[in-house]
Amino acid sequence: MEEEISLVELFDIIKKRVGMIINLTLIGLLVVAFYTFFVATPEYSSTTQLLVNRTQQTDAIQRSDIDTNVQLINTYKDIIKGPVILDEVREDLNLDSSHSGLSNQISISNEANSQVFSIRVTDINPYNAALIANTTASVFRENLDDIMNVDNVTVISQAEPNINPISPNHSLNLAIGIVLGAMIGVGMAFLLEFLDNTVKDEKFIVEEMGWTSLGRIAEMSAEELKADGRQALPQRAQSPSHVRSRV
């Protein structure tokens, strides 16, 4: 027969071990806080923006020209993160990172139907992040004419150092620590309760064991015994060897 547990019993289990749950929640918070503030390395990002604008043969801007510029951005993304650009960036800045490592630091994005795209660089040093972003944009512009025989990219916004780290996110990490600690605490509370095989109430004896309950014996404290007019502990009778005669 499957054992069913009511919501009242679940709340009783949590209430019974609420101290342990609170302690584990605080431990989870402290562990994550220690990692966030003392172990995790802060990362900074810097962004430069470029505009793709083909040379127009007429004064009027055609819709087809804009669509072509937007489609070229996808090609430019692959060129920027390729070795032809990043290897030169590594050489110019004398970087120790590999091509794949530098590529992972760079992300390129643009809004839908926009001729502007952004080069975003993440680094543990905010000034290096800005330097890498600006150098990447410069090297890309210098080599674009040789690669695609076009010169239609303009830097419209230089990357500036941002001293505010983007990671770790202190508030988010602390919230995660609290949630994880509480989840572990609740899980431990139920695990300990289900592993506890001691007899807790009359229901276990009657329903689980199939025995008949003959009655209950109430346990009285010393204060209850005194209030009832009885002594908490019976006095020991004096031994005959300690009785002295006055005759």
C-alpha atoms as a PDB file:
ATOM      1  CA  MET A   1       0.000   0.000   0.000  1.00  0.00           C
ATOM      2  CA  GLU A   2       1.388   3.383  -0.989  1.00  0.00           C
ATOM      3  CA  GLU A   3       1.885   5.867   1.785  1.00  0.00           C
ATOM      4  CA  GLU A   4       0.025   9.135   1.332  1.00  0.00           C
ATOM      5  CA  ILE A   5       1.215  12.367   2.895  1.00  0.00           C
ATOM      6  CA  SER A   6      -1.115  15.315   3.391  1.00  0.00           C
ATOM      7  CA  LEU A   7      -0.158  18.945   3.085  1.00  0.00           C
ATOM      8  CA  VAL A   8      -0.478  19.308   6.839  1.00  0.00           C
ATOM      9  CA  GLU A   9       2.139  16.602   7.348  1.00  0.00           C
ATOM     10  CA  LEU A  10       4.432  18.281   4.807  1.00  0.00           C
ATOM     11  CA  PHE A  11       4.182  21.575   6.648  1.00  0.00           C
ATOM     12  CA  ASP A  12       4.781  19.781   9.933  1.00  0.00           C
ATOM     13  CA  ILE A  13       7.987  18.274   8.545  1.00  0.00           C
ATOM     14  CA  ILE A  14       9.186  21.703   7.399  1.00  0.00           C
ATOM     15  CA  LYS A  15       8.189  23.266  10.718  1.00  0.00           C
ATOM     16  CA  LYS A  16       9.972  20.528  12.636  1.00  0.00           C
ATOM     17  CA  ARG A  17      13.271  21.167  10.843  1.00  0.00           C
ATOM     18  CA  VAL A  18      12.901  24.868  10.089  1.00  0.00           C
ATOM     19  CA  GLY A  19      16.113  25.598  11.995  1.00  0.00           C
ATOM     20  CA  MET A  20      18.140  23.318   9.729  1.00  0.00           C
ATOM     21  CA  ILE A  21      16.514  24.814   6.613  1.00  0.00           C
ATOM     22  CA  ILE A  22      17.392  28.351   7.726  1.00  0.00           C
ATOM     23  CA  ASN A  23      20.964  27.345   8.524  1.00  0.00           C
ATOM     24  CA  LEU A  24      21.475  25.691   5.130  1.00  0.00           C
ATOM     25  CA  THR A  25      19.949  28.729   3.417  1.00  0.00           C
ATOM     26  CA  LEU A  26      22.440  30.999   5.184  1.00  0.00           C
ATOM     27  CA  ILE A  27      25.283  28.629   4.315  1.00  0.00           C
ATOM     28  CA  GLY A  28      24.269  28.698   0.647  1.00  0.00           C
ATOM     29  CA  LEU A  29      24.155  32.495   0.737  1.00  0.00           C
ATOM     30  CA  LEU A  30      27.579  32.734   2.394  1.00  0.00           C
ATOM     31  CA  VAL A  31      29.196  30.267  -0.035  1.00  0.00           C
ATOM     32  CA  VAL A  32      27.884  32.090  -3.108  1.00  0.00           C
ATOM     33  CA  ALA A  33      28.758  35.475  -1.609  1.00  0.00           C
ATOM     34  CA  PHE A  34      32.321  34.320  -0.939  1.00  0.00           C
ATOM     35  CA  TYR A  35      32.654  33.072  -4.515  1.00  0.00           C
ATOM     36  CA  THR A  36      31.092  36.218  -5.985  1.00  0.00           C
ATOM     37  CA  PHE A  37      33.118  38.774  -4.052  1.00  0.00           C
ATOM     38  CA  PHE A  38      36.424  36.986  -3.487  1.00  0.00           C
ATOM     39  CA  VAL A  39      36.871  34.213  -6.091  1.00  0.00           C
ATOM     40  CA  ALA A  40      35.098  35.177  -9.322  1.00  0.00           C
ATOM     41  CA  THR A  41      37.098  37.394 -11.683  1.00  0.00           C
ATOM     42  CA  PRO A  42      35.168  40.505 -12.786  1.00  0.00           C
ATOM     43  CA  GLU A  43      34.703  40.950 -16.535  1.00  0.00           C
ATOM     44  CA  TYR A  44      34.211  44.202 -18.401  1.00  0.00           C
ATOM     45  CA  SER A  45      32.872  44.959 -21.854  1.00  0.00           C
ATOM     46  CA  SER A  46      33.347  47.736 -24.371  1.00  0.00           C
ATOM     47  CA  THR A  47      31.542  48.337 -27.661  1.00  0.00           C
ATOM     48  CA  THR A  48      32.308  50.131 -30.903  1.00  0.00           C
ATOM     49  CA  GLN A  49      29.730  50.773 -33.625  1.00  0.00           C
ATOM     50  CA  LEU A  50      30.212  50.693 -37.391  1.00  0.00           C
ATOM     51  CA  LEU A  51      27.981  51.803 -40.248  1.00  0.00           C
ATOM     52  CA  VAL A  52      27.684  49.941 -43.548  1.00  0.00           C
ATOM     53  CA  ASN A  53      26.849  52.415 -46.302  1.00  0.00           C
ATOM     54  CA  ARG A  54      27.481  51.642 -49.981  1.00  0.00           C
ATOM     55  CA  THR A  55      28.531  54.464 -52.259  1.00  0.00           C
ATOM     56  CA  GLN A  56      25.435  55.682 -54.042  1.00  0.00           C
ATOM     57  CA  GLN A  57      25.494  56.452 -57.758  1.00  0.00           C
ATOM     58  CA  THR A  58      22.446  58.641 -57.333  1.00  0.00           C
ATOM     59  CA  ASP A  59      21.286  61.023 -54.650  1.00  0.00           C
ATOM     60  CA  ALA A  60      18.215  58.917 -53.919  1.00  0.00           C
ATOM     61  CA  ILE A  61      18.659  55.990 -51.568  1.00  0.00           C
ATOM     62  CA  GLN A  62      17.086  52.856 -52.929  1.00  0.00           C
ATOM     63  CA  ARG A  63      15.472  50.204 -50.775  1.00  0.00           C
ATOM     64  CA  SER A  64      17.528  47.558 -52.547  1.00  0.00           C
ATOM     65  CA  ASP A  65      20.734  49.317 -51.496  1.00  0.00           C
ATOM     66  CA  ILE A  66      19.689  49.246 -47.845  1.00  0.00           C
ATOM     67  CA  ASP A  67      18.805  45.549 -48.081  1.00  0.00           C
ATOM     68  CA  THR A  68      22.195  44.835 -49.634  1.00  0.00           C
ATOM     69  CA  ASN A  69      23.974  46.681 -46.832  1.00  0.00           C
ATOM     70  CA  VAL A  70      22.061  44.745 -44.209  1.00  0.00           C
ATOM     71  CA  GLN A  71      22.879  41.440 -45.876  1.00  0.00           C
ATOM     72  CA  LEU A  72      26.553  42.389 -46.057  1.00  0.00           C
ATOM     73  CA  ILE A  73      26.670  42.660 -42.269  1.00  0.00           C
ATOM     74  CA  ASN A  74      26.300  38.881 -41.951  1.00  0.00           C
ATOM     75  CA  THR A  75      29.324  38.461 -44.201  1.00  0.00           C
ATOM     76  CA  TYR A  76      31.273  41.059 -42.248  1.00  0.00           C
ATOM     77  CA  LYS A  77      30.592  39.193 -38.996  1.00  0.00           C
ATOM     78  CA  ASP A  78      32.339  36.112 -40.342  1.00  0.00           C
ATOM     79  CA  ILE A  79      35.249  38.133 -41.696  1.00  0.00           C
ATOM     80  CA  ILE A  80      35.823  40.009 -38.425  1.00  0.00           C
ATOM     81  CA  LYS A  81      35.981  36.823 -36.343  1.00  0.00           C
ATOM     82  CA  GLY A  82      38.144  35.048 -38.883  1.00  0.00           C
ATOM     83  CA  PRO A  83      41.936  34.663 -38.670  1.00  0.00           C
ATOM     84  CA  VAL A  84      42.591  37.241 -41.411  1.00  0.00           C
ATOM     85  CA  ILE A  85      41.467  40.010 -39.014  1.00  0.00           C
ATOM     86  CA  LEU A  86      42.053  38.619 -35.531  1.00  0.00           C
ATOM     87  CA  ASP A  87      45.569  37.373 -36.234  1.00  0.00           C
ATOM     88  CA  GLU A  88      46.560  40.899 -37.202  1.00  0.00           C
ATOM     89  CA  VAL A  89      44.854  42.267 -34.096  1.00  0.00           C
ATOM     90  CA  ARG A  90      46.792  39.827 -31.925  1.00  0.00           C
ATOM     91  CA  GLU A  91      50.027  40.847 -33.630  1.00  0.00           C
ATOM     92  CA  ASP A  92      49.368  44.594 -33.334  1.00  0.00           C
ATOM     93  CA  LEU A  93      48.468  44.376 -29.633  1.00  0.00           C
ATOM     94  CA  ASN A  94      50.958  41.597 -28.823  1.00  0.00           C
ATOM     95  CA  LEU A  95      48.239  39.482 -27.233  1.00  0.00           C
ATOM     96  CA  ASP A  96      49.004  36.110 -25.648  1.00  0.00           C
ATOM     97  CA  SER A  97      45.561  34.666 -26.346  1.00  0.00           C
ATOM     98  CA  SER A  98      44.977  32.293 -29.236  1.00  0.00           C
ATOM     99  CA  HIS A  99      42.729  33.018 -32.191  1.00  0.00           C
ATOM    100  CA  SER A 100      39.877  31.004 -30.684  1.00  0.00           C
ATOM    101  CA  GLY A 101      40.354  32.683 -27.304  1.00  0.00           C
ATOM    102  CA  LEU A 102      40.189  36.161 -28.830  1.00  0.00           C
ATOM    103  CA  SER A 103      37.242  35.146 -30.986  1.00  0.00           C
ATOM    104  CA  ASN A 104      35.329  34.068 -27.876  1.00  0.00           C
ATOM    105  CA  GLN A 105      35.887  37.523 -26.375  1.00  0.00           C
ATOM    106  CA  ILE A 106      34.245  39.220 -29.362  1.00  0.00           C
ATOM    107  CA  SER A 107      30.543  39.329 -30.114  1.00  0.00           C
ATOM    108  CA  ILE A 108      29.005  41.087 -33.112  1.00  0.00           C
ATOM    109  CA  SER A 109      25.379  42.119 -33.238  1.00  0.00           C
ATOM    110  CA  ASN A 110      23.003  44.385 -35.123  1.00  0.00           C
ATOM    111  CA  GLU A 111      19.346  45.281 -34.936  1.00  0.00           C
ATOM    112  CA  ALA A 112      16.928  43.986 -37.529  1.00  0.00           C
ATOM    113  CA  ASN A 113      17.032  45.954 -40.793  1.00  0.00           C
ATOM    114  CA  SER A 114      19.740  48.249 -39.419  1.00  0.00           C
ATOM    115  CA  GLN A 115      22.897  49.213 -41.276  1.00  0.00           C
ATOM    116  CA  VAL A 116      24.714  49.713 -37.961  1.00  0.00           C
ATOM    117  CA  PHE A 117      26.432  46.800 -36.253  1.00  0.00           C
ATOM    118  CA  SER A 118      28.387  46.623 -33.017  1.00  0.00           C
ATOM    119  CA  ILE A 119      31.638  44.936 -32.044  1.00  0.00           C
ATOM    120  CA  ARG A 120      31.575  44.098 -28.357  1.00  0.00           C
ATOM    121  CA  VAL A 121      34.676  42.841 -26.546  1.00  0.00           C
ATOM    122  CA  THR A 122      34.736  41.291 -23.064  1.00  0.00           C
ATOM    123  CA  ASP A 123      37.937  41.240 -21.003  1.00  0.00           C
ATOM    124  CA  ILE A 124      39.078  41.188 -17.380  1.00  0.00           C
ATOM    125  CA  ASN A 125      40.562  44.650 -17.945  1.00  0.00           C
ATOM    126  CA  PRO A 126      38.180  47.434 -19.059  1.00  0.00           C
ATOM    127  CA  TYR A 127      40.920  49.347 -20.896  1.00  0.00           C
ATOM    128  CA  ASN A 128      42.058  46.258 -22.789  1.00  0.00           C
ATOM    129  CA  ALA A 129      38.464  45.600 -23.805  1.00  0.00           C
ATOM    130  CA  ALA A 130      38.161  49.051 -25.357  1.00  0.00           C
ATOM    131  CA  LEU A 131      41.591  48.774 -27.019  1.00  0.00           C
ATOM    132  CA  ILE A 132      40.789  45.394 -28.579  1.00  0.00           C
ATOM    133  CA  ALA A 133      37.396  46.628 -29.829  1.00  0.00           C
ATOM    134  CA  ASN A 134      38.848  49.752 -31.485  1.00  0.00           C
ATOM    135  CA  THR A 135      41.790  47.859 -32.967  1.00  0.00           C
ATOM    136  CA  THR A 136      39.504  45.174 -34.389  1.00  0.00           C
ATOM    137  CA  ALA A 137      37.308  47.804 -36.048  1.00  0.00           C
ATOM    138  CA  SER A 138      40.355  49.613 -37.455  1.00  0.00           C
ATOM    139  CA  VAL A 139      41.991  46.473 -38.830  1.00  0.00           C
ATOM    140  CA  PHE A 140      38.702  45.381 -40.376  1.00  0.00           C
ATOM    141  CA  ARG A 141      38.263  48.712 -42.191  1.00  0.00           C
ATOM    142  CA  GLU A 142      41.846  48.661 -43.480  1.00  0.00           C
ATOM    143  CA  ASN A 143      41.561  45.131 -44.885  1.00  0.00           C
ATOM    144  CA  LEU A 144      37.995  45.237 -46.184  1.00  0.00           C
ATOM    145  CA  ASP A 145      38.952  46.777 -49.507  1.00  0.00           C
ATOM    146  CA  ASP A 146      41.512  44.042 -50.182  1.00  0.00           C
ATOM    147  CA  ILE A 147      39.161  41.262 -49.089  1.00  0.00           C
ATOM    148  CA  MET A 148      35.914  42.302 -50.832  1.00  0.00           C
ATOM    149  CA  ASN A 149      37.008  45.195 -53.026  1.00  0.00           C
ATOM    150  CA  VAL A 150      34.611  47.548 -51.259  1.00  0.00           C
ATOM    151  CA  ASP A 151      35.079  50.442 -48.886  1.00  0.00           C
ATOM    152  CA  ASN A 152      31.695  51.049 -47.316  1.00  0.00           C
ATOM    153  CA  VAL A 153      32.297  50.790 -43.556  1.00  0.00           C
ATOM    154  CA  THR A 154      32.603  53.787 -41.230  1.00  0.00           C
ATOM    155  CA  VAL A 155      33.288  53.788 -37.496  1.00  0.00           C
ATOM    156  CA  ILE A 156      30.592  55.955 -35.935  1.00  0.00           C
ATOM    157  CA  SER A 157      31.312  55.283 -32.265  1.00  0.00           C
ATOM    158  CA  GLN A 158      34.660  54.501 -30.646  1.00  0.00           C
ATOM    159  CA  ALA A 159      34.785  52.039 -27.758  1.00  0.00           C
ATOM    160  CA  GLU A 160      35.316  53.612 -24.337  1.00  0.00           C
ATOM    161  CA  PRO A 161      36.525  51.808 -21.183  1.00  0.00           C
ATOM    162  CA  ASN A 162      33.620  50.852 -18.917  1.00  0.00           C
ATOM    163  CA  ILE A 163      34.754  50.324 -15.331  1.00  0.00           C
ATOM    164  CA  ASN A 164      31.423  48.787 -14.306  1.00  0.00           C
ATOM    165  CA  PRO A 165      31.769  44.989 -14.530  1.00  0.00           C
ATOM    166  CA  ILE A 166      29.169  43.006 -16.432  1.00  0.00           C
ATOM    167  CA  SER A 167      29.893  39.889 -14.402  1.00  0.00           C
ATOM    168  CA  PRO A 168      29.543  38.467 -11.885  1.00  0.00           C
ATOM    169  CA  ASN A 169      26.026  39.742 -11.239  1.00  0.00           C
ATOM    170  CA  HIS A 170      26.066  40.216  -7.464  1.00  0.00           C
ATOM    171  CA  SER A 171      22.312  40.439  -6.913  1.00  0.00           C
ATOM    172  CA  LEU A 172      21.530  37.473  -9.152  1.00  0.00           C
ATOM    173  CA  ASN A 173      24.238  35.293  -7.626  1.00  0.00           C
ATOM    174  CA  LEU A 174      23.100  36.046  -4.071  1.00  0.00           C
ATOM    175  CA  ALA A 175      19.502  35.254  -4.990  1.00  0.00           C
ATOM    176  CA  ILE A 176      20.634  31.967  -6.530  1.00  0.00           C
ATOM    177  CA  GLY A 177      22.576  31.146  -3.354  1.00  0.00           C
ATOM    178  CA  ILE A 178      19.503  31.721  -1.199  1.00  0.00           C
ATOM    179  CA  VAL A 179      17.260  29.603  -3.450  1.00  0.00           C
ATOM    180  CA  LEU A 180      19.763  26.745  -3.696  1.00  0.00           C
ATOM    181  CA  GLY A 181      20.401  26.763   0.055  1.00  0.00           C
ATOM    182  CA  ALA A 182      16.674  26.692   0.788  1.00  0.00           C
ATOM    183  CA  MET A 183      16.086  23.879  -1.713  1.00  0.00           C
ATOM    184  CA  ILE A 184      18.879  21.804  -0.189  1.00  0.00           C
ATOM    185  CA  GLY A 185      17.505  22.495   3.298  1.00  0.00           C
ATOM    186  CA  VAL A 186      13.982  21.408   2.393  1.00  0.00           C
ATOM    187  CA  GLY A 187      15.305  18.346   0.580  1.00  0.00           C
ATOM    188  CA  MET A 188      17.405  17.341   3.591  1.00  0.00           C
ATOM    189  CA  ALA A 189      14.420  17.853   5.889  1.00  0.00           C
ATOM    190  CA  PHE A 190      12.252  15.424   3.915  1.00  0.00           C
ATOM    191  CA  LEU A 191      15.107  12.957   3.464  1.00  0.00           C
ATOM    192  CA  LEU A 192      15.828  12.813   7.186  1.00  0.00           C
ATOM    193  CA  GLU A 193      12.131  12.481   7.932  1.00  0.00           C
ATOM    194  CA  PHE A 194      11.634   9.565   5.536  1.00  0.00           C
ATOM    195  CA  LEU A 195      14.755   7.822   6.853  1.00  0.00           C
ATOM    196  CA  ASP A 196      13.537   8.154  10.437  1.00  0.00           C
ATOM    197  CA  ASN A 197      12.059   4.735  11.399  1.00  0.00           C
ATOM    198  CA  THR A 198      11.237   5.600  15.012  1.00  0.00           C
ATOM    199  CA  VAL A 199       7.638   5.379  16.246  1.00  0.00           C
ATOM    200  CA  LYS A 200       6.222   8.884  16.277  1.00  0.00           C
ATOM    201  CA  ASP A 201       2.510   8.468  16.998  1.00  0.00           C
ATOM    202  CA  GLU A 202      -0.363   6.045  17.539  1.00  0.00           C
ATOM    203  CA  LYS A 203      -1.229   6.106  13.825  1.00  0.00           C
ATOM    204  CA  PHE A 204       1.959   4.224  12.945  1.00  0.00           C
ATOM    205  CA  ILE A 205       1.223   1.465  15.503  1.00  0.00           C
ATOM    206  CA  VAL A 206      -2.395   0.980  14.471  1.00  0.00           C
ATOM    207  CA  GLU A 207      -2.241   1.451  10.684  1.00  0.00           C
ATOM    208  CA  GLU A 208       1.275   0.349   9.776  1.00  0.00           C
ATOM    209  CA  MET A 209       1.969  -2.330  12.386  1.00  0.00           C
ATOM    210  CA  GLY A 210      -1.632  -3.565  12.690  1.00  0.00           C
ATOM    211  CA  TRP A 211      -1.472  -3.613  16.488  1.00  0.00           C
ATOM    212  CA  THR A 212      -4.188  -2.582  18.891  1.00  0.00           C
ATOM    213  CA  SER A 213      -3.672   0.503  20.977  1.00  0.00           C
ATOM    214  CA  LEU A 214      -4.450  -0.251  24.618  1.00  0.00           C
ATOM    215  CA  GLY A 215      -4.058   3.318  25.840  1.00  0.00           C
ATOM    216  CA  ARG A 216      -1.641   6.133  26.409  1.00  0.00           C
ATOM    217  CA  ILE A 217       0.671   6.986  29.271  1.00  0.00           C
ATOM    218  CA  ALA A 218       1.124  10.695  29.697  1.00  0.00           C
ATOM    219  CA  GLU A 219       4.515  11.960  30.817  1.00  0.00           C
ATOM    220  CA  MET A 220       4.368  14.655  33.500  1.00  0.00           C
ATOM    221  CA  SER A 221       7.105  17.150  34.163  1.00  0.00           C
ATOM    222  CA  ALA A 222       8.402  18.052  37.590  1.00  0.00           C
ATOM    223  CA  GLU A 223       6.402  21.300  37.563  1.00  0.00           C
ATOM    224  CA  GLU A 224       3.210  19.411  36.728  1.00  0.00           C
ATOM    225  CA  LEU A 225       3.843  16.956  39.568  1.00  0.00           C
ATOM    226  CA  LYS A 226       4.325  19.798  42.042  1.00  0.00           C
ATOM    227  CA  ALA A 227       1.169  21.506  40.813  1.00  0.00           C
ATOM    228  CA  ASP A 228      -0.661  18.220  41.328  1.00  0.00           C
ATOM    229  CA  GLY A 229       0.436  18.116  44.965  1.00  0.00           C
ATOM    230  CA  ARG A 230       2.965  15.316  44.543  1.00  0.00           C
ATOM    231  CA  GLN A 231       6.706  15.262  44.912  1.00  0.00           C
ATOM    232  CA  ALA A 232       8.765  15.311  41.759  1.00  0.00           C
ATOM    233  CA  LEU A 233      11.064  12.610  43.045  1.00  0.00           C
ATOM    234  CA  PRO A 234      10.240  10.181  45.844  1.00  0.00           C
ATOM    235  CA  GLN A 235      12.468  10.464  48.900  1.00  0.00           C
ATOM    236  CA  ARG A 236      14.634   7.494  49.657  1.00  0.00           C
ATOM    237  CA  ALA A 237      13.857   5.701  52.880  1.00  0.00           C
ATOM    238  CA  GLN A 238      16.560   5.920  55.516  1.00  0.00           C
ATOM    239  CA  SER A 239      18.590   2.798  55.920  1.00  0.00           C
ATOM    240  CA  PRO A 240      18.393   1.097  59.367  1.00  0.00           C
ATOM    241  CA  SER A 241      22.134   1.408  59.669  1.00  0.00           C
ATOM    242  CA  HIS A 242      21.768   5.195  59.678  1.00  0.00           C
ATOM    243  CA  VAL A 243      19.081   5.283  62.426  1.00  0.00           C
ATOM    244  CA  ARG A 244      20.503   6.196  65.815  1.00  0.00           C
ATOM    245  CA  SER A 245      18.802   5.572  69.122  1.00  0.00           C
ATOM    246  CA  ARG A 246      18.636   8.337  71.684  1.00  0.00           C
ATOM    247  CA  VAL A 247      18.128   5.939  74.599  1.00  0.00           C
END
